[in-house]
Amino acid sequence: MDPEIVACSLVNLVGYQEASIVSKTLIERETGSVTLFAFDQGQGLSEHTAPFDAMVYVLDGEAEITISGNPIAVRQGEMLVMPAEEPHAVKAITRFKMILTMIRS
């Protein structure tokens, strides 16, 4: 077995930092990326658009993700797809960790 291939707990790969958002890129390819985020309570990403579909999977906590003006509550164990070119924003209701998978095609 390749020594680079190991199993790990995603939720433990990044820690929370007070009044901050922490991110760690896990995979970065031409065809897409996988990024782990940890948001402190109240932190967020302002409304923006992306040219590609993206999937959020919540690892811990609770957040509100707004897509085209529609707020959606997401909690641990839930996922949500953010369609390409639709404005979206993220706000941590509690401390919140998510995996963001973006597909570039």
Protein backbone atom coordinates (compact mmCIF):
# COMPACT_ATOMS: atom_id res chain seq x y z
CA MET A 1 0.00 0.00 0.00
CA ASP A 2 1.23 3.49 -0.85
CA PRO A 3 2.35 5.26 2.38
CA GLU A 4 0.65 8.46 1.10
CA ILE A 5 -2.77 6.76 1.21
CA VAL A 6 -4.20 6.89 4.72
CA ALA A 7 -7.64 7.20 6.24
CA CYS A 8 -8.34 10.21 8.43
CA SER A 9 -11.12 12.09 10.17
CA LEU A 10 -12.06 15.11 8.05
CA VAL A 11 -13.58 17.00 10.96
CA ASN A 12 -10.20 16.96 12.74
CA LEU A 13 -8.10 18.23 9.81
CA VAL A 14 -8.86 21.89 10.59
CA GLY A 15 -9.55 23.58 13.89
CA TYR A 16 -11.74 26.52 14.73
CA GLN A 17 -10.08 29.90 15.26
CA GLU A 18 -11.80 32.75 17.07
CA ALA A 19 -13.50 35.26 14.75
CA SER A 20 -12.02 33.52 11.69
CA ILE A 21 -12.59 31.20 8.77
CA VAL A 22 -9.96 28.50 8.28
CA SER A 23 -9.62 26.58 5.02
CA LYS A 24 -7.51 23.67 3.84
CA THR A 25 -7.41 22.51 0.22
CA LEU A 26 -7.48 18.71 0.09
CA ILE A 27 -7.57 18.22 -3.70
CA GLU A 28 -6.87 20.75 -6.45
CA ARG A 29 -7.15 19.63 -10.07
CA GLU A 30 -8.10 21.18 -13.41
CA THR A 31 -11.42 19.33 -13.17
CA GLY A 32 -12.31 20.38 -9.62
CA SER A 33 -11.34 20.90 -6.03
CA VAL A 34 -12.20 19.74 -2.52
CA THR A 35 -11.72 22.23 0.30
CA LEU A 36 -12.37 21.87 4.03
CA PHE A 37 -13.59 24.96 5.91
CA ALA A 38 -14.05 25.79 9.61
CA PHE A 39 -16.12 28.91 10.39
CA ASP A 40 -16.33 30.45 13.85
CA GLN A 41 -19.86 31.34 14.93
CA GLY A 42 -21.13 34.41 13.08
CA GLN A 43 -18.46 34.27 10.37
CA GLY A 44 -19.43 33.97 6.74
CA LEU A 45 -18.76 34.46 3.07
CA SER A 46 -20.52 37.39 1.41
CA GLU A 47 -22.72 36.86 -1.60
CA HIS A 48 -20.81 35.84 -4.72
CA THR A 49 -21.18 33.62 -7.79
CA ALA A 50 -19.07 30.79 -9.15
CA PRO A 51 -18.91 29.55 -12.74
CA PHE A 52 -19.28 25.91 -11.64
CA ASP A 53 -21.63 23.78 -9.55
CA ALA A 54 -20.47 23.24 -5.97
CA MET A 55 -21.58 20.81 -3.28
CA VAL A 56 -21.43 21.58 0.43
CA TYR A 57 -21.38 18.74 2.96
CA VAL A 58 -21.72 19.80 6.61
CA LEU A 59 -19.34 17.99 8.96
CA ASP A 60 -20.13 19.90 12.16
CA GLY A 61 -22.44 22.63 13.38
CA GLU A 62 -25.10 24.62 11.58
CA ALA A 63 -25.08 27.31 8.92
CA GLU A 64 -27.38 29.29 6.69
CA ILE A 65 -26.60 29.16 3.00
CA THR A 66 -28.49 31.66 0.86
CA ILE A 67 -28.89 30.83 -2.83
CA SER A 68 -30.50 33.45 -5.07
CA GLY A 69 -32.04 35.14 -2.03
CA ASN A 70 -33.42 31.88 -0.58
CA PRO A 71 -31.96 31.10 2.91
CA ILE A 72 -31.49 27.39 3.61
CA ALA A 73 -30.53 25.97 7.03
CA VAL A 74 -27.96 23.17 6.85
CA ARG A 75 -26.76 20.98 9.72
CA GLN A 76 -24.26 18.25 10.43
CA GLY A 77 -24.72 15.35 8.02
CA GLU A 78 -26.61 17.37 5.40
CA MET A 79 -25.54 18.44 1.93
CA LEU A 80 -26.58 21.12 -0.50
CA VAL A 81 -25.76 21.81 -4.15
CA MET A 82 -25.09 25.42 -5.14
CA PRO A 83 -25.78 25.75 -8.88
CA ALA A 84 -23.31 27.51 -11.18
CA GLU A 85 -23.88 31.23 -11.73
CA GLU A 86 -26.42 31.50 -8.89
CA PRO A 87 -25.50 34.09 -6.22
CA HIS A 88 -24.86 32.46 -2.86
CA ALA A 89 -23.59 33.33 0.61
CA VAL A 90 -22.66 31.37 3.76
CA LYS A 91 -23.15 32.33 7.43
CA ALA A 92 -22.23 30.18 10.43
CA ILE A 93 -25.12 30.01 12.91
CA THR A 94 -22.90 27.97 15.26
CA ARG A 95 -19.30 26.97 14.77
CA PHE A 96 -19.48 25.15 11.47
CA LYS A 97 -17.27 22.88 9.34
CA MET A 98 -17.96 21.95 5.75
CA ILE A 99 -16.43 20.24 2.74
CA LEU A 100 -16.83 22.21 -0.48
CA THR A 101 -16.53 20.15 -3.67
CA MET A 102 -16.40 22.15 -6.88
CA ILE A 103 -16.69 20.45 -10.27
CA ARG A 104 -15.20 22.42 -13.16
CA SER A 105 -16.90 21.06 -16.26
